[in-house]
Amino acid sequence: MARSGRPRGFDRDAALDTAMHLFWEHGYEGASLLTLRQAMGDISSASFYAAFGSKEALYRETLARYLARHGGIVGALDDATLSPRSRLEQALLASVAVQTDPAHPKGCMMTLSAMVSSEAGAPTRALTRAEREVTRQALQRCIAAGVRTGDLAPATDVAGLTALYDGLVLGVSIQARDGVSAETLRAGIAHAMAAWDMRRTGPAACIG
């Protein structure tokens, strides 16, 4: 009797990479189940469901894969070996590097892949919204650390500055997808860091 399940040659790791790039490029709903199955090795429906459970479960797994490989901004923002300002600047520059890398789709999968979807896509929207909140909280911790260490003035509006840099992170994703160059985006970050420097205390306030 012929064995059922995955076809010979099915490589789950390679299939996950393919699915991640499709979701990243086309969004959750833009990547149809048929397109996913064909791109992942022309696997059957039975093999797909046996391996991944559902399209939503596959998306969750690929998003976790994306964050593990390309979502280093939170780790950079929490790096206690650096000053809060350096953490922020390096995290933003690393984000630009990832989002403009020609080796994979441009922009941020977490930002772009589930922003526009029907009611059926609500669970994936909730998932990516929660992950964006993780980044937002890391930005806020970094800015609050700047106040706590005395680099930023005590009266600094932490929530407002967080909103500024969070908006920058989200905006970089859209601009990268639109083809704005890494050089231009890095220049934008240099200008955005001036918002931090304007709120510095003591002699450091004069440093650009």
N, C-alpha and C. Protein backbone atom coordinates (compact mmCIF):
# COMPACT_ATOMS: atom_id res chain seq x y z
N MET A 1 0.85 -1.20 0.00
CA MET A 1 0.00 0.00 0.00
C MET A 1 0.88 1.25 0.00
N ALA A 2 0.52 2.20 -0.82
CA ALA A 2 1.29 3.44 -0.88
C ALA A 2 1.16 4.20 0.42
N ARG A 3 2.23 4.81 0.86
CA ARG A 3 2.21 5.59 2.10
C ARG A 3 1.61 6.96 1.83
N SER A 4 0.79 7.43 2.76
CA SER A 4 0.19 8.76 2.63
C SER A 4 1.05 9.77 3.36
N GLY A 5 0.69 11.03 3.25
CA GLY A 5 1.42 12.09 3.96
C GLY A 5 2.21 12.94 3.00
N ARG A 6 3.36 13.41 3.45
CA ARG A 6 4.15 14.34 2.66
C ARG A 6 4.75 13.65 1.44
N PRO A 7 4.78 14.34 0.31
CA PRO A 7 5.40 13.74 -0.86
C PRO A 7 6.90 13.64 -0.67
N ARG A 8 7.54 12.71 -1.40
CA ARG A 8 8.98 12.56 -1.32
C ARG A 8 9.64 13.90 -1.68
N GLY A 9 10.66 14.26 -0.90
CA GLY A 9 11.36 15.50 -1.19
C GLY A 9 10.80 16.71 -0.47
N PHE A 10 9.73 16.53 0.30
CA PHE A 10 9.16 17.65 1.04
C PHE A 10 10.15 18.09 2.11
N ASP A 11 10.57 19.34 2.05
CA ASP A 11 11.52 19.90 3.00
C ASP A 11 10.78 20.95 3.81
N ARG A 12 10.46 20.62 5.05
CA ARG A 12 9.62 21.51 5.86
C ARG A 12 10.29 22.85 6.10
N ASP A 13 11.58 22.85 6.37
CA ASP A 13 12.30 24.10 6.62
C ASP A 13 12.27 25.00 5.39
N ALA A 14 12.56 24.42 4.23
CA ALA A 14 12.54 25.20 2.99
C ALA A 14 11.13 25.70 2.69
N ALA A 15 10.14 24.86 2.98
CA ALA A 15 8.75 25.26 2.75
C ALA A 15 8.37 26.43 3.64
N LEU A 16 8.83 26.42 4.88
CA LEU A 16 8.55 27.52 5.80
C LEU A 16 9.18 28.82 5.31
N ASP A 17 10.41 28.73 4.81
CA ASP A 17 11.06 29.93 4.27
C ASP A 17 10.27 30.48 3.09
N THR A 18 9.82 29.59 2.22
CA THR A 18 9.04 30.02 1.06
C THR A 18 7.75 30.69 1.49
N ALA A 19 7.06 30.08 2.44
CA ALA A 19 5.80 30.64 2.93
C ALA A 19 6.04 31.99 3.61
N MET A 20 7.12 32.09 4.38
CA MET A 20 7.43 33.35 5.05
C MET A 20 7.61 34.47 4.03
N HIS A 21 8.33 34.20 2.97
CA HIS A 21 8.56 35.21 1.94
C HIS A 21 7.28 35.57 1.20
N LEU A 22 6.41 34.59 0.99
CA LEU A 22 5.13 34.88 0.32
C LEU A 22 4.25 35.75 1.20
N PHE A 23 4.13 35.42 2.47
CA PHE A 23 3.33 36.25 3.38
C PHE A 23 3.95 37.65 3.50
N TRP A 24 5.24 37.71 3.55
CA TRP A 24 5.98 38.98 3.67
C TRP A 24 5.71 39.86 2.45
N GLU A 25 5.74 39.26 1.28
CA GLU A 25 5.58 40.01 0.03
C GLU A 25 4.12 40.35 -0.27
N HIS A 26 3.21 39.39 -0.04
CA HIS A 26 1.83 39.55 -0.50
C HIS A 26 0.81 39.73 0.61
N GLY A 27 1.21 39.58 1.87
CA GLY A 27 0.27 39.68 2.96
C GLY A 27 -0.42 38.36 3.23
N TYR A 28 -1.12 38.31 4.36
CA TYR A 28 -1.78 37.06 4.76
C TYR A 28 -2.84 36.64 3.76
N GLU A 29 -3.73 37.54 3.39
CA GLU A 29 -4.80 37.17 2.47
C GLU A 29 -4.34 37.18 1.02
N GLY A 30 -3.30 37.94 0.72
CA GLY A 30 -2.80 37.99 -0.65
C GLY A 30 -2.10 36.71 -1.07
N ALA A 31 -1.63 35.94 -0.09
CA ALA A 31 -0.99 34.65 -0.38
C ALA A 31 -2.05 33.57 -0.23
N SER A 32 -2.62 33.14 -1.34
CA SER A 32 -3.69 32.14 -1.29
C SER A 32 -3.13 30.78 -0.89
N LEU A 33 -4.01 29.93 -0.41
CA LEU A 33 -3.59 28.59 -0.02
C LEU A 33 -3.03 27.82 -1.21
N LEU A 34 -3.65 27.99 -2.38
CA LEU A 34 -3.15 27.31 -3.57
C LEU A 34 -1.75 27.80 -3.93
N THR A 35 -1.56 29.12 -3.89
CA THR A 35 -0.23 29.68 -4.18
C THR A 35 0.81 29.17 -3.20
N LEU A 36 0.44 29.13 -1.93
CA LEU A 36 1.36 28.64 -0.91
C LEU A 36 1.74 27.18 -1.17
N ARG A 37 0.74 26.34 -1.42
CA ARG A 37 1.01 24.91 -1.63
C ARG A 37 1.91 24.68 -2.85
N GLN A 38 1.62 25.41 -3.91
CA GLN A 38 2.41 25.25 -5.13
C GLN A 38 3.85 25.70 -4.91
N ALA A 39 4.02 26.86 -4.27
CA ALA A 39 5.36 27.40 -4.06
C ALA A 39 6.17 26.57 -3.06
N MET A 40 5.48 25.92 -2.14
CA MET A 40 6.15 25.14 -1.10
C MET A 40 6.52 23.73 -1.56
N GLY A 41 6.44 23.49 -2.85
CA GLY A 41 6.83 22.18 -3.38
C GLY A 41 5.70 21.44 -4.04
N ASP A 42 4.65 22.20 -4.41
CA ASP A 42 3.47 21.60 -5.04
C ASP A 42 2.92 20.47 -4.18
N ILE A 43 2.80 20.75 -2.88
CA ILE A 43 2.32 19.73 -1.95
C ILE A 43 0.80 19.64 -1.99
N SER A 44 0.27 18.49 -1.67
CA SER A 44 -1.17 18.27 -1.68
C SER A 44 -1.82 18.94 -0.48
N SER A 45 -3.13 19.11 -0.55
CA SER A 45 -3.86 19.67 0.59
C SER A 45 -3.67 18.81 1.83
N ALA A 46 -3.72 17.48 1.63
CA ALA A 46 -3.56 16.57 2.77
C ALA A 46 -2.19 16.75 3.42
N SER A 47 -1.16 16.87 2.60
CA SER A 47 0.19 17.06 3.13
C SER A 47 0.32 18.40 3.84
N PHE A 48 -0.31 19.42 3.26
CA PHE A 48 -0.25 20.75 3.87
C PHE A 48 -0.86 20.73 5.26
N TYR A 49 -2.07 20.21 5.37
CA TYR A 49 -2.75 20.21 6.67
C TYR A 49 -2.07 19.29 7.67
N ALA A 50 -1.48 18.19 7.18
CA ALA A 50 -0.76 17.30 8.08
C ALA A 50 0.49 17.98 8.64
N ALA A 51 1.12 18.79 7.82
CA ALA A 51 2.38 19.42 8.22
C ALA A 51 2.17 20.69 9.03
N PHE A 52 1.14 21.48 8.68
CA PHE A 52 1.01 22.82 9.27
C PHE A 52 -0.31 23.08 9.98
N GLY A 53 -1.31 22.26 9.77
CA GLY A 53 -2.57 22.41 10.48
C GLY A 53 -3.58 23.29 9.78
N SER A 54 -3.16 24.49 9.42
CA SER A 54 -4.05 25.45 8.75
C SER A 54 -3.21 26.59 8.20
N LYS A 55 -3.82 27.41 7.37
CA LYS A 55 -3.11 28.57 6.84
C LYS A 55 -2.75 29.52 7.98
N GLU A 56 -3.68 29.72 8.93
CA GLU A 56 -3.40 30.62 10.04
C GLU A 56 -2.25 30.09 10.90
N ALA A 57 -2.25 28.77 11.14
CA ALA A 57 -1.16 28.19 11.93
C ALA A 57 0.17 28.33 11.19
N LEU A 58 0.14 28.18 9.88
CA LEU A 58 1.36 28.38 9.08
C LEU A 58 1.83 29.82 9.21
N TYR A 59 0.90 30.76 9.13
CA TYR A 59 1.28 32.17 9.26
C TYR A 59 1.94 32.44 10.61
N ARG A 60 1.35 31.89 11.67
CA ARG A 60 1.92 32.09 13.00
C ARG A 60 3.35 31.55 13.07
N GLU A 61 3.55 30.39 12.46
CA GLU A 61 4.88 29.78 12.49
C GLU A 61 5.87 30.59 11.66
N THR A 62 5.43 31.10 10.52
CA THR A 62 6.35 31.90 9.70
C THR A 62 6.64 33.25 10.35
N LEU A 63 5.66 33.82 11.04
CA LEU A 63 5.92 35.08 11.73
C LEU A 63 6.94 34.88 12.85
N ALA A 64 6.81 33.78 13.59
CA ALA A 64 7.79 33.48 14.64
C ALA A 64 9.17 33.29 14.03
N ARG A 65 9.22 32.68 12.86
CA ARG A 65 10.49 32.48 12.15
C ARG A 65 11.07 33.83 11.74
N TYR A 66 10.22 34.71 11.22
CA TYR A 66 10.65 36.04 10.82
C TYR A 66 11.23 36.81 12.01
N LEU A 67 10.51 36.77 13.13
CA LEU A 67 10.96 37.52 14.31
C LEU A 67 12.28 36.97 14.84
N ALA A 68 12.45 35.65 14.80
CA ALA A 68 13.69 35.05 15.28
C ALA A 68 14.87 35.45 14.40
N ARG A 69 14.63 35.59 13.11
CA ARG A 69 15.73 35.89 12.18
C ARG A 69 15.94 37.38 11.96
N HIS A 70 14.86 38.13 11.91
CA HIS A 70 14.95 39.52 11.47
C HIS A 70 14.39 40.53 12.48
N GLY A 71 13.90 40.05 13.61
CA GLY A 71 13.25 40.95 14.56
C GLY A 71 14.13 41.36 15.71
N GLY A 72 15.37 41.71 15.43
CA GLY A 72 16.33 42.00 16.49
C GLY A 72 16.20 43.37 17.12
N ILE A 73 15.23 44.18 16.70
CA ILE A 73 15.15 45.54 17.21
C ILE A 73 14.89 45.57 18.71
N VAL A 74 14.05 44.65 19.21
CA VAL A 74 13.74 44.65 20.65
C VAL A 74 14.98 44.31 21.46
N GLY A 75 15.74 43.31 21.00
CA GLY A 75 16.97 42.96 21.70
C GLY A 75 17.96 44.11 21.73
N ALA A 76 18.07 44.83 20.63
CA ALA A 76 18.97 45.98 20.57
C ALA A 76 18.52 47.08 21.53
N LEU A 77 17.23 47.30 21.61
CA LEU A 77 16.71 48.35 22.49
C LEU A 77 16.90 48.02 23.97
N ASP A 78 17.01 46.75 24.29
CA ASP A 78 17.18 46.32 25.68
C ASP A 78 18.63 45.99 26.02
N ASP A 79 19.56 46.32 25.14
CA ASP A 79 20.98 46.00 25.36
C ASP A 79 21.57 46.94 26.40
N ALA A 80 21.70 46.44 27.62
CA ALA A 80 22.16 47.27 28.73
C ALA A 80 23.64 47.61 28.66
N THR A 81 24.37 47.03 27.72
CA THR A 81 25.79 47.36 27.59
C THR A 81 26.00 48.69 26.86
N LEU A 82 24.95 49.22 26.26
CA LEU A 82 25.03 50.48 25.53
C LEU A 82 24.23 51.56 26.24
N SER A 83 24.55 52.81 25.94
CA SER A 83 23.74 53.91 26.46
C SER A 83 22.37 53.85 25.80
N PRO A 84 21.33 54.39 26.45
CA PRO A 84 20.01 54.36 25.84
C PRO A 84 19.98 54.99 24.45
N ARG A 85 20.70 56.09 24.26
CA ARG A 85 20.70 56.72 22.94
C ARG A 85 21.32 55.80 21.89
N SER A 86 22.45 55.18 22.25
CA SER A 86 23.11 54.27 21.31
C SER A 86 22.22 53.07 20.99
N ARG A 87 21.52 52.57 22.00
CA ARG A 87 20.59 51.45 21.77
C ARG A 87 19.56 51.82 20.71
N LEU A 88 18.96 52.99 20.90
CA LEU A 88 17.92 53.43 19.98
C LEU A 88 18.46 53.60 18.57
N GLU A 89 19.57 54.31 18.46
CA GLU A 89 20.13 54.57 17.13
C GLU A 89 20.52 53.27 16.43
N GLN A 90 21.17 52.37 17.15
CA GLN A 90 21.59 51.12 16.53
C GLN A 90 20.39 50.25 16.15
N ALA A 91 19.35 50.27 16.97
CA ALA A 91 18.15 49.50 16.65
C ALA A 91 17.49 50.03 15.38
N LEU A 92 17.41 51.34 15.25
CA LEU A 92 16.80 51.94 14.07
C LEU A 92 17.63 51.65 12.82
N LEU A 93 18.95 51.76 12.93
CA LEU A 93 19.81 51.48 11.78
C LEU A 93 19.75 50.00 11.39
N ALA A 94 19.67 49.12 12.38
CA ALA A 94 19.55 47.69 12.09
C ALA A 94 18.23 47.40 11.39
N SER A 95 17.18 48.11 11.80
CA SER A 95 15.88 47.93 11.16
C SER A 95 15.93 48.33 9.70
N VAL A 96 16.59 49.43 9.40
CA VAL A 96 16.75 49.86 8.01
C VAL A 96 17.51 48.81 7.21
N ALA A 97 18.58 48.29 7.79
CA ALA A 97 19.40 47.29 7.09
C ALA A 97 18.58 46.06 6.72
N VAL A 98 17.77 45.59 7.66
CA VAL A 98 16.94 44.40 7.39
C VAL A 98 15.89 44.71 6.34
N GLN A 99 15.24 45.85 6.48
CA GLN A 99 14.09 46.14 5.63
C GLN A 99 14.46 46.54 4.20
N THR A 100 15.71 46.86 3.98
CA THR A 100 16.16 47.21 2.62
C THR A 100 17.06 46.14 2.01
N ASP A 101 17.24 45.03 2.71
CA ASP A 101 18.11 43.95 2.23
C ASP A 101 17.51 43.31 0.98
N PRO A 102 18.23 43.29 -0.14
CA PRO A 102 17.69 42.73 -1.38
C PRO A 102 17.55 41.21 -1.35
N ALA A 103 18.05 40.56 -0.30
CA ALA A 103 17.99 39.10 -0.23
C ALA A 103 16.60 38.57 0.10
N HIS A 104 15.70 39.46 0.48
CA HIS A 104 14.34 39.05 0.81
C HIS A 104 13.39 40.21 0.52
N PRO A 105 12.08 40.02 0.66
CA PRO A 105 11.14 41.12 0.40
C PRO A 105 11.46 42.35 1.24
N LYS A 106 11.21 43.52 0.69
CA LYS A 106 11.48 44.78 1.39
C LYS A 106 10.40 45.05 2.44
N GLY A 107 10.75 45.87 3.41
CA GLY A 107 9.81 46.24 4.45
C GLY A 107 9.78 45.22 5.58
N CYS A 108 8.82 45.40 6.48
CA CYS A 108 8.69 44.56 7.67
C CYS A 108 7.48 43.65 7.54
N MET A 109 7.69 42.36 7.61
CA MET A 109 6.58 41.40 7.52
C MET A 109 5.54 41.66 8.60
N MET A 110 6.00 41.96 9.81
CA MET A 110 5.11 42.18 10.93
C MET A 110 4.20 43.38 10.71
N THR A 111 4.70 44.39 10.01
CA THR A 111 3.93 45.60 9.75
C THR A 111 3.03 45.46 8.54
N LEU A 112 3.55 44.84 7.48
CA LEU A 112 2.85 44.87 6.19
C LEU A 112 1.92 43.70 5.93
N SER A 113 2.20 42.53 6.50
CA SER A 113 1.53 41.32 6.04
C SER A 113 0.09 41.17 6.49
N ALA A 114 -0.33 41.87 7.53
CA ALA A 114 -1.70 41.69 8.01
C ALA A 114 -2.42 43.01 8.26
N MET A 115 -1.91 44.09 7.69
CA MET A 115 -2.53 45.40 7.93
C MET A 115 -3.88 45.53 7.24
N VAL A 116 -3.99 44.99 6.04
CA VAL A 116 -5.23 45.11 5.28
C VAL A 116 -5.78 43.71 5.06
N SER A 117 -6.90 43.40 5.68
CA SER A 117 -7.49 42.08 5.52
C SER A 117 -8.96 42.13 5.91
N SER A 118 -9.70 41.11 5.51
CA SER A 118 -11.11 41.02 5.83
C SER A 118 -11.28 40.52 7.25
N GLU A 119 -12.53 40.31 7.65
CA GLU A 119 -12.80 39.82 8.99
C GLU A 119 -12.13 38.48 9.24
N ALA A 120 -11.98 37.69 8.18
CA ALA A 120 -11.33 36.38 8.33
C ALA A 120 -9.88 36.51 8.77
N GLY A 121 -9.29 37.66 8.48
CA GLY A 121 -7.90 37.87 8.86
C GLY A 121 -7.72 38.51 10.22
N ALA A 122 -8.81 38.65 10.99
CA ALA A 122 -8.74 39.30 12.29
C ALA A 122 -7.73 38.65 13.24
N PRO A 123 -7.65 37.32 13.31
CA PRO A 123 -6.66 36.72 14.22
C PRO A 123 -5.22 37.09 13.87
N THR A 124 -4.92 37.16 12.59
CA THR A 124 -3.55 37.52 12.21
C THR A 124 -3.29 39.00 12.47
N ARG A 125 -4.30 39.83 12.30
CA ARG A 125 -4.14 41.25 12.64
C ARG A 125 -3.85 41.41 14.12
N ALA A 126 -4.58 40.65 14.94
CA ALA A 126 -4.37 40.72 16.39
C ALA A 126 -2.97 40.25 16.76
N LEU A 127 -2.49 39.23 16.06
CA LEU A 127 -1.16 38.70 16.33
C LEU A 127 -0.08 39.73 16.01
N THR A 128 -0.15 40.34 14.83
CA THR A 128 0.87 41.31 14.46
C THR A 128 0.75 42.59 15.28
N ARG A 129 -0.48 42.95 15.65
CA ARG A 129 -0.66 44.12 16.52
C ARG A 129 0.02 43.89 17.87
N ALA A 130 -0.12 42.69 18.40
CA ALA A 130 0.51 42.36 19.68
C ALA A 130 2.03 42.41 19.57
N GLU A 131 2.57 41.94 18.45
CA GLU A 131 4.02 41.97 18.26
C GLU A 131 4.52 43.41 18.09
N ARG A 132 3.73 44.24 17.42
CA ARG A 132 4.14 45.65 17.30
C ARG A 132 4.12 46.33 18.66
N GLU A 133 3.20 45.91 19.53
CA GLU A 133 3.16 46.47 20.87
C GLU A 133 4.41 46.09 21.66
N VAL A 134 4.95 44.90 21.41
CA VAL A 134 6.21 44.50 22.05
C VAL A 134 7.33 45.48 21.67
N THR A 135 7.39 45.83 20.39
CA THR A 135 8.39 46.80 19.94
C THR A 135 8.14 48.16 20.57
N ARG A 136 6.88 48.57 20.61
CA ARG A 136 6.53 49.87 21.20
C ARG A 136 6.97 49.94 22.66
N GLN A 137 6.73 48.89 23.40
CA GLN A 137 7.11 48.87 24.81
C GLN A 137 8.63 48.90 24.98
N ALA A 138 9.35 48.25 24.06
CA ALA A 138 10.81 48.28 24.12
C ALA A 138 11.33 49.70 23.85
N LEU A 139 10.72 50.38 22.90
CA LEU A 139 11.09 51.77 22.65
C LEU A 139 10.84 52.63 23.89
N GLN A 140 9.71 52.41 24.53
CA GLN A 140 9.38 53.20 25.71
C GLN A 140 10.37 52.92 26.85
N ARG A 141 10.74 51.65 27.02
CA ARG A 141 11.73 51.33 28.06
C ARG A 141 13.06 52.02 27.79
N CYS A 142 13.46 52.05 26.52
CA CYS A 142 14.73 52.68 26.15
C CYS A 142 14.70 54.18 26.45
N ILE A 143 13.62 54.83 26.10
CA ILE A 143 13.50 56.27 26.33
C ILE A 143 13.41 56.56 27.82
N ALA A 144 12.65 55.74 28.55
CA ALA A 144 12.55 55.92 30.00
C ALA A 144 13.92 55.72 30.65
N ALA A 145 14.72 54.82 30.11
CA ALA A 145 16.08 54.62 30.64
C ALA A 145 16.92 55.86 30.40
N GLY A 146 16.69 56.55 29.28
CA GLY A 146 17.40 57.79 29.01
C GLY A 146 17.10 58.85 30.06
N VAL A 147 15.85 58.90 30.48
CA VAL A 147 15.46 59.84 31.54
C VAL A 147 16.07 59.40 32.87
N ARG A 148 15.96 58.12 33.15
CA ARG A 148 16.43 57.59 34.44
C ARG A 148 17.93 57.76 34.62
N THR A 149 18.69 57.63 33.54
CA THR A 149 20.16 57.77 33.64
C THR A 149 20.62 59.21 33.56
N GLY A 150 19.69 60.13 33.33
CA GLY A 150 20.04 61.54 33.29
C GLY A 150 20.47 62.05 31.93
N ASP A 151 20.41 61.21 30.91
CA ASP A 151 20.78 61.67 29.57
C ASP A 151 19.68 62.56 29.00
N LEU A 152 18.44 62.20 29.28
CA LEU A 152 17.30 63.01 28.85
C LEU A 152 16.77 63.81 30.03
N ALA A 153 16.26 64.98 29.74
CA ALA A 153 15.73 65.86 30.78
C ALA A 153 14.58 65.18 31.52
N PRO A 154 14.45 65.43 32.82
CA PRO A 154 13.37 64.82 33.61
C PRO A 154 11.98 65.10 33.06
N ALA A 155 11.81 66.26 32.41
CA ALA A 155 10.49 66.63 31.90
C ALA A 155 10.20 66.03 30.52
N THR A 156 11.08 65.17 30.01
CA THR A 156 10.87 64.57 28.70
C THR A 156 9.54 63.83 28.64
N ASP A 157 8.79 64.05 27.59
CA ASP A 157 7.52 63.36 27.37
C ASP A 157 7.83 61.97 26.80
N VAL A 158 7.93 60.99 27.66
CA VAL A 158 8.33 59.65 27.24
C VAL A 158 7.33 59.05 26.26
N ALA A 159 6.05 59.21 26.55
CA ALA A 159 5.02 58.65 25.67
C ALA A 159 5.06 59.31 24.29
N GLY A 160 5.24 60.63 24.28
CA GLY A 160 5.28 61.34 23.00
C GLY A 160 6.50 60.97 22.17
N LEU A 161 7.66 60.84 22.84
CA LEU A 161 8.88 60.47 22.12
C LEU A 161 8.79 59.02 21.63
N THR A 162 8.15 58.19 22.43
CA THR A 162 7.92 56.80 21.99
C THR A 162 7.08 56.77 20.73
N ALA A 163 6.02 57.57 20.70
CA ALA A 163 5.15 57.62 19.52
C ALA A 163 5.93 58.08 18.29
N LEU A 164 6.83 59.04 18.48
CA LEU A 164 7.64 59.53 17.36
C LEU A 164 8.49 58.42 16.76
N TYR A 165 9.23 57.71 17.62
CA TYR A 165 10.14 56.68 17.10
C TYR A 165 9.39 55.43 16.64
N ASP A 166 8.27 55.14 17.27
CA ASP A 166 7.45 54.02 16.80
C ASP A 166 6.90 54.33 15.41
N GLY A 167 6.47 55.56 15.21
CA GLY A 167 6.00 55.97 13.88
C GLY A 167 7.11 55.88 12.85
N LEU A 168 8.34 56.19 13.27
CA LEU A 168 9.48 56.08 12.36
C LEU A 168 9.71 54.62 11.95
N VAL A 169 9.66 53.72 12.92
CA VAL A 169 9.85 52.29 12.63
C VAL A 169 8.81 51.81 11.63
N LEU A 170 7.55 52.17 11.86
CA LEU A 170 6.48 51.74 10.95
C LEU A 170 6.64 52.40 9.58
N GLY A 171 7.03 53.66 9.57
CA GLY A 171 7.19 54.38 8.31
C GLY A 171 8.34 53.85 7.47
N VAL A 172 9.41 53.43 8.12
CA VAL A 172 10.54 52.85 7.39
C VAL A 172 10.08 51.64 6.60
N SER A 173 9.20 50.85 7.18
CA SER A 173 8.71 49.64 6.50
C SER A 173 8.01 49.99 5.19
N ILE A 174 7.14 50.98 5.24
CA ILE A 174 6.40 51.38 4.04
C ILE A 174 7.34 52.01 3.01
N GLN A 175 8.24 52.86 3.47
CA GLN A 175 9.16 53.51 2.54
C GLN A 175 10.11 52.50 1.89
N ALA A 176 10.58 51.53 2.68
CA ALA A 176 11.45 50.50 2.11
C ALA A 176 10.70 49.71 1.03
N ARG A 177 9.44 49.38 1.30
CA ARG A 177 8.64 48.66 0.31
C ARG A 177 8.44 49.51 -0.94
N ASP A 178 8.37 50.82 -0.77
CA ASP A 178 8.19 51.73 -1.91
C ASP A 178 9.49 51.99 -2.66
N GLY A 179 10.60 51.47 -2.16
CA GLY A 179 11.85 51.60 -2.89
C GLY A 179 12.76 52.72 -2.43
N VAL A 180 12.43 53.37 -1.31
CA VAL A 180 13.31 54.41 -0.78
C VAL A 180 14.63 53.75 -0.37
N SER A 181 15.74 54.37 -0.71
CA SER A 181 17.05 53.75 -0.49
C SER A 181 17.43 53.70 0.98
N ALA A 182 18.31 52.75 1.30
CA ALA A 182 18.81 52.64 2.67
C ALA A 182 19.55 53.91 3.07
N GLU A 183 20.28 54.50 2.14
CA GLU A 183 21.02 55.73 2.43
C GLU A 183 20.07 56.85 2.86
N THR A 184 18.98 57.00 2.14
CA THR A 184 18.00 58.04 2.48
C THR A 184 17.36 57.76 3.83
N LEU A 185 17.03 56.50 4.09
CA LEU A 185 16.40 56.14 5.36
C LEU A 185 17.36 56.36 6.52
N ARG A 186 18.63 56.05 6.32
CA ARG A 186 19.62 56.31 7.38
C ARG A 186 19.74 57.80 7.66
N ALA A 187 19.66 58.61 6.61
CA ALA A 187 19.70 60.07 6.80
C ALA A 187 18.49 60.52 7.61
N GLY A 188 17.34 59.91 7.34
CA GLY A 188 16.14 60.24 8.11
C GLY A 188 16.31 59.90 9.58
N ILE A 189 16.96 58.79 9.86
CA ILE A 189 17.20 58.40 11.25
C ILE A 189 18.12 59.41 11.94
N ALA A 190 19.12 59.88 11.22
CA ALA A 190 20.02 60.90 11.80
C ALA A 190 19.24 62.13 12.21
N HIS A 191 18.30 62.55 11.38
CA HIS A 191 17.46 63.71 11.72
C HIS A 191 16.56 63.37 12.91
N ALA A 192 16.03 62.16 12.93
CA ALA A 192 15.13 61.77 14.02
C ALA A 192 15.86 61.72 15.35
N MET A 193 17.13 61.36 15.34
CA MET A 193 17.89 61.32 16.59
C MET A 193 18.11 62.72 17.15
N ALA A 194 17.95 63.74 16.31
CA ALA A 194 18.04 65.12 16.81
C ALA A 194 16.94 65.39 17.82
N ALA A 195 15.81 64.69 17.70
CA ALA A 195 14.73 64.87 18.67
C ALA A 195 15.18 64.41 20.05
N TRP A 196 16.00 63.38 20.10
CA TRP A 196 16.58 62.94 21.38
C TRP A 196 17.57 63.99 21.88
N ASP A 197 18.47 64.43 21.00
CA ASP A 197 19.53 65.35 21.41
C ASP A 197 18.98 66.68 21.92
N MET A 198 17.86 67.10 21.39
CA MET A 198 17.24 68.35 21.85
C MET A 198 16.77 68.25 23.30
N ARG A 199 16.60 67.03 23.78
CA ARG A 199 16.08 66.82 25.14
C ARG A 199 17.17 66.35 26.10
N ARG A 200 18.42 66.39 25.65
CA ARG A 200 19.52 65.95 26.50
C ARG A 200 19.84 67.01 27.55
N THR A 201 20.47 66.56 28.62
CA THR A 201 20.82 67.47 29.71
C THR A 201 22.32 67.72 29.72
N GLY A 202 22.74 68.83 30.26
CA GLY A 202 24.15 69.13 30.43
C GLY A 202 24.89 69.31 29.11
N PRO A 203 26.24 69.14 29.13
CA PRO A 203 27.06 69.35 27.94
C PRO A 203 26.66 68.44 26.78
N ALA A 204 26.13 67.25 27.10
CA ALA A 204 25.76 66.31 26.03
C ALA A 204 24.69 66.88 25.13
N ALA A 205 23.96 67.87 25.62
CA ALA A 205 22.88 68.44 24.82
C ALA A 205 23.42 69.14 23.58
N CYS A 206 24.70 69.45 23.58
CA CYS A 206 25.28 70.13 22.43
C CYS A 206 25.80 69.16 21.38
N ILE A 207 25.80 67.87 21.71
CA ILE A 207 26.34 66.87 20.79
C ILE A 207 25.29 66.47 19.77
N GLY A 208 25.62 66.51 18.48
CA GLY A 208 24.67 66.12 17.44
C GLY A 208 24.66 64.65 17.21
